[in-house]
Amino acid sequence: MKRMAAWITLVALATGCASNSASMGSKPLVAIDPAAVEGTWALTDERNQTFNVILREDGSATSTWSRGMDGAKGEQGGWSIRDGVLFVRWTDGWLDTIRVGRFGFEKFSYEPSDRDSDTPSSFGQAVKINDDSAKWVGVWRTQSVGTVTKDEDLFVCLSSDGAAVKSIDAINSGCWQQQPMGLAIHWSDGWFTLLTQDGEIVTGKSWAPGVDRAGAPTGTSNWLEVVE
């Protein structure tokens, strides 16, 4: 599969090694600071659509890019730093690198067939997200409460630009907003979901189209962030 991420920025390196040409390209002006890597980054693809990459302390990486074969399951990978450059290798074979350049963080992406070339498949910039809403950004797993799909696994991608994508239903897009009580997702097909967090437990209450949102929800389920 060809992941067209013309503005993707982070890249994971879970297993194996990239070639020297793909790994270095031009030498970074400054080695990237490992302490600045972990967290949530905002990127845009070749369609100028925002998606996010979450890099964790254990070296794992998750992307909310949902236009691939796995859809709302996003992408999984791993990251490491070598010679001052950040590497991320995704399970679909893409390799992304990010380094400090003249204009801040610069990203270079290589599709599987181009990893031995100095010419990247795509390039762009990356922006680190530091506000409180970043805790909701990522890929989530829960169970559907719909009548036809009840108890089926449901995956939801939440991106920092407020976009939401789910793995069930023909109309699977929506938008989300952080609210004092948690997070609200307004789905284009009329469903409404309210997420609340108590410690490490995230609970989702969902109302079917036409159901009074002041009344009892259609269903309630636990939500878990997908980390690998």
C-alpha atoms as a PDB file:
ATOM      1  CA  MET A   1       0.000   0.000   0.000  1.00  0.00           C
ATOM      2  CA  LYS A   2       1.234   3.434  -0.814  1.00  0.00           C
ATOM      3  CA  ARG A   3       0.779   5.871   2.029  1.00  0.00           C
ATOM      4  CA  MET A   4       0.691   9.288   0.380  1.00  0.00           C
ATOM      5  CA  ALA A   5       1.859  11.462   3.222  1.00  0.00           C
ATOM      6  CA  ALA A   6       3.259  14.445   1.445  1.00  0.00           C
ATOM      7  CA  TRP A   7       3.462  16.338   4.702  1.00  0.00           C
ATOM      8  CA  ILE A   8       3.946  13.468   7.179  1.00  0.00           C
ATOM      9  CA  THR A   9       6.559  14.202   9.754  1.00  0.00           C
ATOM     10  CA  LEU A  10       7.668  11.613  12.196  1.00  0.00           C
ATOM     11  CA  VAL A  11       9.033   8.313  11.413  1.00  0.00           C
ATOM     12  CA  ALA A  12       9.416   5.176  13.296  1.00  0.00           C
ATOM     13  CA  LEU A  13      12.116   2.640  13.466  1.00  0.00           C
ATOM     14  CA  ALA A  14      10.823  -0.435  15.172  1.00  0.00           C
ATOM     15  CA  THR A  15      13.005  -3.085  13.570  1.00  0.00           C
ATOM     16  CA  GLY A  16      15.876  -3.199  11.131  1.00  0.00           C
ATOM     17  CA  CYS A  17      18.062  -0.327   9.942  1.00  0.00           C
ATOM     18  CA  ALA A  18      17.664   2.213   7.175  1.00  0.00           C
ATOM     19  CA  SER A  19      20.441   2.772   4.686  1.00  0.00           C
ATOM     20  CA  ASN A  20      22.896   5.574   5.379  1.00  0.00           C
ATOM     21  CA  SER A  21      21.628   7.627   2.440  1.00  0.00           C
ATOM     22  CA  ALA A  22      18.003   7.502   3.566  1.00  0.00           C
ATOM     23  CA  SER A  23      18.896   7.918   7.222  1.00  0.00           C
ATOM     24  CA  MET A  24      21.042  11.014   6.835  1.00  0.00           C
ATOM     25  CA  GLY A  25      20.230  12.822   3.605  1.00  0.00           C
ATOM     26  CA  SER A  26      21.719  16.210   4.477  1.00  0.00           C
ATOM     27  CA  LYS A  27      23.281  16.434   7.912  1.00  0.00           C
ATOM     28  CA  PRO A  28      21.001  18.139  10.472  1.00  0.00           C
ATOM     29  CA  LEU A  29      22.039  21.587  11.633  1.00  0.00           C
ATOM     30  CA  VAL A  30      21.445  20.529  15.228  1.00  0.00           C
ATOM     31  CA  ALA A  31      20.879  17.069  16.681  1.00  0.00           C
ATOM     32  CA  ILE A  32      17.233  16.610  17.624  1.00  0.00           C
ATOM     33  CA  ASP A  33      16.684  16.669  21.390  1.00  0.00           C
ATOM     34  CA  PRO A  34      15.367  13.293  22.611  1.00  0.00           C
ATOM     35  CA  ALA A  35      13.497  15.090  25.404  1.00  0.00           C
ATOM     36  CA  ALA A  36      11.518  17.054  22.809  1.00  0.00           C
ATOM     37  CA  VAL A  37      10.476  14.020  20.771  1.00  0.00           C
ATOM     38  CA  GLU A  38       7.941  12.267  22.993  1.00  0.00           C
ATOM     39  CA  GLY A  39       4.377  13.516  22.702  1.00  0.00           C
ATOM     40  CA  THR A  40       1.883  14.462  20.000  1.00  0.00           C
ATOM     41  CA  TRP A  41       2.776  16.049  16.674  1.00  0.00           C
ATOM     42  CA  ALA A  42       0.536  17.621  14.025  1.00  0.00           C
ATOM     43  CA  LEU A  43       1.274  16.960  10.358  1.00  0.00           C
ATOM     44  CA  THR A  44      -0.505  17.356   7.028  1.00  0.00           C
ATOM     45  CA  ASP A  45      -0.613  14.930   4.109  1.00  0.00           C
ATOM     46  CA  GLU A  46      -0.512  15.593   0.367  1.00  0.00           C
ATOM     47  CA  ARG A  47      -4.171  16.646   0.489  1.00  0.00           C
ATOM     48  CA  ASN A  48      -3.355  19.194   3.184  1.00  0.00           C
ATOM     49  CA  GLN A  49      -5.369  17.179   5.698  1.00  0.00           C
ATOM     50  CA  THR A  50      -4.135  17.194   9.273  1.00  0.00           C
ATOM     51  CA  PHE A  51      -3.224  13.999  11.055  1.00  0.00           C
ATOM     52  CA  ASN A  52      -1.189  13.266  14.136  1.00  0.00           C
ATOM     53  CA  VAL A  53       1.699  11.133  15.275  1.00  0.00           C
ATOM     54  CA  ILE A  54       2.025  10.128  18.919  1.00  0.00           C
ATOM     55  CA  LEU A  55       5.512   9.103  20.072  1.00  0.00           C
ATOM     56  CA  ARG A  56       5.807   7.350  23.431  1.00  0.00           C
ATOM     57  CA  GLU A  57       8.599   6.828  25.920  1.00  0.00           C
ATOM     58  CA  ASP A  58       8.757   3.088  25.169  1.00  0.00           C
ATOM     59  CA  GLY A  59       9.629   3.744  21.515  1.00  0.00           C
ATOM     60  CA  SER A  60       6.181   2.974  20.094  1.00  0.00           C
ATOM     61  CA  ALA A  61       4.362   5.268  17.661  1.00  0.00           C
ATOM     62  CA  THR A  62       0.747   5.697  16.582  1.00  0.00           C
ATOM     63  CA  SER A  63      -0.612   7.736  13.681  1.00  0.00           C
ATOM     64  CA  THR A  64      -4.170   8.970  13.193  1.00  0.00           C
ATOM     65  CA  TRP A  65      -3.705   8.855   9.398  1.00  0.00           C
ATOM     66  CA  SER A  66      -6.891   6.960   8.506  1.00  0.00           C
ATOM     67  CA  ARG A  67      -6.854   6.812   4.705  1.00  0.00           C
ATOM     68  CA  GLY A  68      -4.871   3.588   4.588  1.00  0.00           C
ATOM     69  CA  MET A  69      -6.075  -0.010   4.479  1.00  0.00           C
ATOM     70  CA  ASP A  70      -6.727  -0.069   8.233  1.00  0.00           C
ATOM     71  CA  GLY A  71      -8.889   3.076   8.171  1.00  0.00           C
ATOM     72  CA  ALA A  72      -9.796   4.319  11.637  1.00  0.00           C
ATOM     73  CA  LYS A  73      -7.346   1.861  13.204  1.00  0.00           C
ATOM     74  CA  GLY A  74      -4.647   4.329  12.147  1.00  0.00           C
ATOM     75  CA  GLU A  75      -1.057   3.173  11.857  1.00  0.00           C
ATOM     76  CA  GLN A  76       1.393   1.658  14.312  1.00  0.00           C
ATOM     77  CA  GLY A  77       5.171   1.772  14.339  1.00  0.00           C
ATOM     78  CA  GLY A  78       8.184   2.635  16.419  1.00  0.00           C
ATOM     79  CA  TRP A  79      10.750   5.407  16.667  1.00  0.00           C
ATOM     80  CA  SER A  80      14.428   5.899  17.517  1.00  0.00           C
ATOM     81  CA  ILE A  81      17.117   8.551  17.152  1.00  0.00           C
ATOM     82  CA  ARG A  82      20.381   8.011  15.273  1.00  0.00           C
ATOM     83  CA  ASP A  83      23.050  10.579  14.392  1.00  0.00           C
ATOM     84  CA  GLY A  84      20.786  13.386  15.584  1.00  0.00           C
ATOM     85  CA  VAL A  85      17.886  12.348  13.318  1.00  0.00           C
ATOM     86  CA  LEU A  86      14.542  10.906  14.385  1.00  0.00           C
ATOM     87  CA  PHE A  87      13.406   7.775  12.547  1.00  0.00           C
ATOM     88  CA  VAL A  88       9.949   6.211  12.404  1.00  0.00           C
ATOM     89  CA  ARG A  89       9.125   3.017  10.562  1.00  0.00           C
ATOM     90  CA  TRP A  90       5.465   2.180  10.039  1.00  0.00           C
ATOM     91  CA  THR A  91       4.029  -1.296   9.590  1.00  0.00           C
ATOM     92  CA  ASP A  92       3.073  -0.484   5.979  1.00  0.00           C
ATOM     93  CA  GLY A  93       6.756  -0.098   5.101  1.00  0.00           C
ATOM     94  CA  TRP A  94       7.035   3.688   4.989  1.00  0.00           C
ATOM     95  CA  LEU A  95      10.039   5.296   6.623  1.00  0.00           C
ATOM     96  CA  ASP A  96       9.866   8.858   7.905  1.00  0.00           C
ATOM     97  CA  THR A  97      12.663  10.972   9.328  1.00  0.00           C
ATOM     98  CA  ILE A  98      12.546  14.279  11.149  1.00  0.00           C
ATOM     99  CA  ARG A  99      15.429  16.600  11.899  1.00  0.00           C
ATOM    100  CA  VAL A 100      16.163  20.173  12.912  1.00  0.00           C
ATOM    101  CA  GLY A 101      16.615  22.313   9.814  1.00  0.00           C
ATOM    102  CA  ARG A 102      16.816  25.957   8.911  1.00  0.00           C
ATOM    103  CA  PHE A 103      13.130  26.547   9.520  1.00  0.00           C
ATOM    104  CA  GLY A 104      12.529  24.320  12.500  1.00  0.00           C
ATOM    105  CA  PHE A 105      11.542  20.658  12.415  1.00  0.00           C
ATOM    106  CA  GLU A 106      11.749  19.214   8.917  1.00  0.00           C
ATOM    107  CA  LYS A 107      10.294  15.883   7.848  1.00  0.00           C
ATOM    108  CA  PHE A 108      11.330  13.600   5.000  1.00  0.00           C
ATOM    109  CA  SER A 109       9.274  10.525   4.089  1.00  0.00           C
ATOM    110  CA  TYR A 110      10.359   7.495   2.072  1.00  0.00           C
ATOM    111  CA  GLU A 111       8.000   4.901   0.655  1.00  0.00           C
ATOM    112  CA  PRO A 112       9.239   1.283   0.766  1.00  0.00           C
ATOM    113  CA  SER A 113      10.808   1.399  -2.707  1.00  0.00           C
ATOM    114  CA  ASP A 114      12.666   4.693  -2.097  1.00  0.00           C
ATOM    115  CA  ARG A 115      14.487   4.067   1.167  1.00  0.00           C
ATOM    116  CA  ASP A 116      17.890   3.791  -0.543  1.00  0.00           C
ATOM    117  CA  SER A 117      17.549   7.166  -2.237  1.00  0.00           C
ATOM    118  CA  ASP A 118      18.642  10.616  -1.098  1.00  0.00           C
ATOM    119  CA  THR A 119      15.450  11.976  -2.672  1.00  0.00           C
ATOM    120  CA  PRO A 120      12.465  11.682  -0.306  1.00  0.00           C
ATOM    121  CA  SER A 121       9.048  10.596  -1.519  1.00  0.00           C
ATOM    122  CA  SER A 122       7.604  13.610   0.298  1.00  0.00           C
ATOM    123  CA  PHE A 123       8.656  16.283   2.748  1.00  0.00           C
ATOM    124  CA  GLY A 124       7.204  18.959   5.016  1.00  0.00           C
ATOM    125  CA  GLN A 125       7.238  20.299   8.552  1.00  0.00           C
ATOM    126  CA  ALA A 126       6.044  19.107  11.961  1.00  0.00           C
ATOM    127  CA  VAL A 127       4.499  20.997  14.872  1.00  0.00           C
ATOM    128  CA  LYS A 128       4.500  19.750  18.451  1.00  0.00           C
ATOM    129  CA  ILE A 129       1.137  19.996  20.253  1.00  0.00           C
ATOM    130  CA  ASN A 130       1.466  21.053  23.871  1.00  0.00           C
ATOM    131  CA  ASP A 131      -2.067  22.034  24.914  1.00  0.00           C
ATOM    132  CA  ASP A 132      -4.356  19.946  27.119  1.00  0.00           C
ATOM    133  CA  SER A 133      -6.477  18.661  24.220  1.00  0.00           C
ATOM    134  CA  ALA A 134      -3.553  16.481  23.097  1.00  0.00           C
ATOM    135  CA  LYS A 135      -4.574  13.857  25.657  1.00  0.00           C
ATOM    136  CA  TRP A 136      -7.606  13.002  23.490  1.00  0.00           C
ATOM    137  CA  VAL A 137      -5.722  12.829  20.195  1.00  0.00           C
ATOM    138  CA  GLY A 138      -4.994   9.314  18.974  1.00  0.00           C
ATOM    139  CA  VAL A 139      -6.638   6.014  18.100  1.00  0.00           C
ATOM    140  CA  TRP A 140      -9.241   4.590  20.485  1.00  0.00           C
ATOM    141  CA  ARG A 141     -10.855   1.169  20.748  1.00  0.00           C
ATOM    142  CA  THR A 142     -14.296   0.487  22.193  1.00  0.00           C
ATOM    143  CA  GLN A 143     -17.421  -1.594  21.471  1.00  0.00           C
ATOM    144  CA  SER A 144     -20.281  -0.463  19.268  1.00  0.00           C
ATOM    145  CA  VAL A 145     -23.636   0.192  20.939  1.00  0.00           C
ATOM    146  CA  GLY A 146     -25.589   0.265  17.678  1.00  0.00           C
ATOM    147  CA  THR A 147     -28.425  -2.229  17.223  1.00  0.00           C
ATOM    148  CA  VAL A 148     -26.946  -3.986  14.182  1.00  0.00           C
ATOM    149  CA  THR A 149     -23.292  -3.776  15.236  1.00  0.00           C
ATOM    150  CA  LYS A 150     -23.741  -4.106  19.006  1.00  0.00           C
ATOM    151  CA  ASP A 151     -20.584  -5.288  20.843  1.00  0.00           C
ATOM    152  CA  GLU A 152     -18.456  -5.259  17.677  1.00  0.00           C
ATOM    153  CA  ASP A 153     -15.000  -3.703  18.006  1.00  0.00           C
ATOM    154  CA  LEU A 154     -15.148  -0.016  17.128  1.00  0.00           C
ATOM    155  CA  PHE A 155     -12.033   2.047  16.380  1.00  0.00           C
ATOM    156  CA  VAL A 156     -12.055   5.851  16.425  1.00  0.00           C
ATOM    157  CA  CYS A 157      -9.337   8.246  15.214  1.00  0.00           C
ATOM    158  CA  LEU A 158      -9.358  11.672  16.835  1.00  0.00           C
ATOM    159  CA  SER A 159      -7.112  14.281  15.184  1.00  0.00           C
ATOM    160  CA  SER A 160      -5.971  17.610  16.616  1.00  0.00           C
ATOM    161  CA  ASP A 161      -7.908  19.608  14.015  1.00  0.00           C
ATOM    162  CA  GLY A 162     -11.177  18.295  15.492  1.00  0.00           C
ATOM    163  CA  ALA A 163     -11.784  15.577  12.901  1.00  0.00           C
ATOM    164  CA  ALA A 164     -13.121  12.179  13.985  1.00  0.00           C
ATOM    165  CA  VAL A 165     -13.294   8.953  11.956  1.00  0.00           C
ATOM    166  CA  LYS A 166     -14.838   5.640  13.044  1.00  0.00           C
ATOM    167  CA  SER A 167     -14.473   2.115  11.695  1.00  0.00           C
ATOM    168  CA  ILE A 168     -18.195   1.249  11.665  1.00  0.00           C
ATOM    169  CA  ASP A 169     -21.059   2.748   9.625  1.00  0.00           C
ATOM    170  CA  ALA A 170     -21.075   3.927   6.014  1.00  0.00           C
ATOM    171  CA  ILE A 171     -21.054   7.574   7.118  1.00  0.00           C
ATOM    172  CA  ASN A 172     -18.064   7.392   9.437  1.00  0.00           C
ATOM    173  CA  SER A 173     -16.827  10.967   9.871  1.00  0.00           C
ATOM    174  CA  GLY A 174     -17.536  13.595  12.490  1.00  0.00           C
ATOM    175  CA  CYS A 175     -16.013  16.319  14.613  1.00  0.00           C
ATOM    176  CA  TRP A 176     -15.059  16.577  18.269  1.00  0.00           C
ATOM    177  CA  GLN A 177     -14.754  19.328  20.859  1.00  0.00           C
ATOM    178  CA  GLN A 178     -13.182  19.349  24.281  1.00  0.00           C
ATOM    179  CA  GLN A 179     -15.713  20.392  26.920  1.00  0.00           C
ATOM    180  CA  PRO A 180     -15.576  20.958  30.696  1.00  0.00           C
ATOM    181  CA  MET A 181     -17.163  17.553  31.299  1.00  0.00           C
ATOM    182  CA  GLY A 182     -14.889  15.750  28.831  1.00  0.00           C
ATOM    183  CA  LEU A 183     -15.133  15.457  25.069  1.00  0.00           C
ATOM    184  CA  ALA A 184     -18.111  15.543  22.704  1.00  0.00           C
ATOM    185  CA  ILE A 185     -18.158  13.844  19.281  1.00  0.00           C
ATOM    186  CA  HIS A 186     -20.827  14.884  16.793  1.00  0.00           C
ATOM    187  CA  TRP A 187     -21.060  12.227  14.076  1.00  0.00           C
ATOM    188  CA  SER A 188     -22.278  13.081  10.581  1.00  0.00           C
ATOM    189  CA  ASP A 189     -24.768  10.193  10.682  1.00  0.00           C
ATOM    190  CA  GLY A 190     -26.561  11.734  13.694  1.00  0.00           C
ATOM    191  CA  TRP A 191     -24.940   9.758  16.518  1.00  0.00           C
ATOM    192  CA  PHE A 192     -23.566  11.701  19.488  1.00  0.00           C
ATOM    193  CA  THR A 193     -20.853  10.480  21.873  1.00  0.00           C
ATOM    194  CA  LEU A 194     -19.733  12.011  25.161  1.00  0.00           C
ATOM    195  CA  LEU A 195     -16.408  10.888  26.659  1.00  0.00           C
ATOM    196  CA  THR A 196     -15.533  11.393  30.311  1.00  0.00           C
ATOM    197  CA  GLN A 197     -12.389  10.419  32.197  1.00  0.00           C
ATOM    198  CA  ASP A 198     -12.043   9.272  35.796  1.00  0.00           C
ATOM    199  CA  GLY A 199      -8.400   8.586  36.537  1.00  0.00           C
ATOM    200  CA  GLU A 200      -7.232   6.221  33.813  1.00  0.00           C
ATOM    201  CA  ILE A 201     -10.746   5.070  32.917  1.00  0.00           C
ATOM    202  CA  VAL A 202     -12.398   6.670  29.882  1.00  0.00           C
ATOM    203  CA  THR A 203     -16.120   6.070  29.456  1.00  0.00           C
ATOM    204  CA  GLY A 204     -18.160   6.775  26.350  1.00  0.00           C
ATOM    205  CA  LYS A 205     -21.922   7.375  26.379  1.00  0.00           C
ATOM    206  CA  SER A 206     -23.586   7.355  22.960  1.00  0.00           C
ATOM    207  CA  TRP A 207     -27.009   8.501  21.775  1.00  0.00           C
ATOM    208  CA  ALA A 208     -28.512   7.223  18.531  1.00  0.00           C
ATOM    209  CA  PRO A 209     -29.928   9.698  15.978  1.00  0.00           C
ATOM    210  CA  GLY A 210     -33.161  11.227  17.254  1.00  0.00           C
ATOM    211  CA  VAL A 211     -32.687  10.121  20.877  1.00  0.00           C
ATOM    212  CA  ASP A 212     -33.050  12.878  23.485  1.00  0.00           C
ATOM    213  CA  ARG A 213     -29.523  13.662  24.655  1.00  0.00           C
ATOM    214  CA  ALA A 214     -30.917  14.866  27.981  1.00  0.00           C
ATOM    215  CA  GLY A 215     -32.183  11.348  28.616  1.00  0.00           C
ATOM    216  CA  ALA A 216     -30.527   7.969  29.027  1.00  0.00           C
ATOM    217  CA  PRO A 217     -27.884   7.109  26.407  1.00  0.00           C
ATOM    218  CA  THR A 218     -28.439   4.373  23.833  1.00  0.00           C
ATOM    219  CA  GLY A 219     -25.363   2.636  25.209  1.00  0.00           C
ATOM    220  CA  THR A 220     -22.273   3.009  27.384  1.00  0.00           C
ATOM    221  CA  SER A 221     -18.828   1.478  26.843  1.00  0.00           C
ATOM    222  CA  ASN A 222     -15.224   1.752  28.000  1.00  0.00           C
ATOM    223  CA  TRP A 223     -12.707   3.401  25.667  1.00  0.00           C
ATOM    224  CA  LEU A 224      -9.039   2.327  25.516  1.00  0.00           C
ATOM    225  CA  GLU A 225      -6.273   4.135  23.667  1.00  0.00           C
ATOM    226  CA  VAL A 226      -4.563   1.927  21.079  1.00  0.00           C
ATOM    227  CA  VAL A 227      -0.839   1.979  21.822  1.00  0.00           C
ATOM    228  CA  GLU A 228       0.495  -0.882  19.672  1.00  0.00           C
END
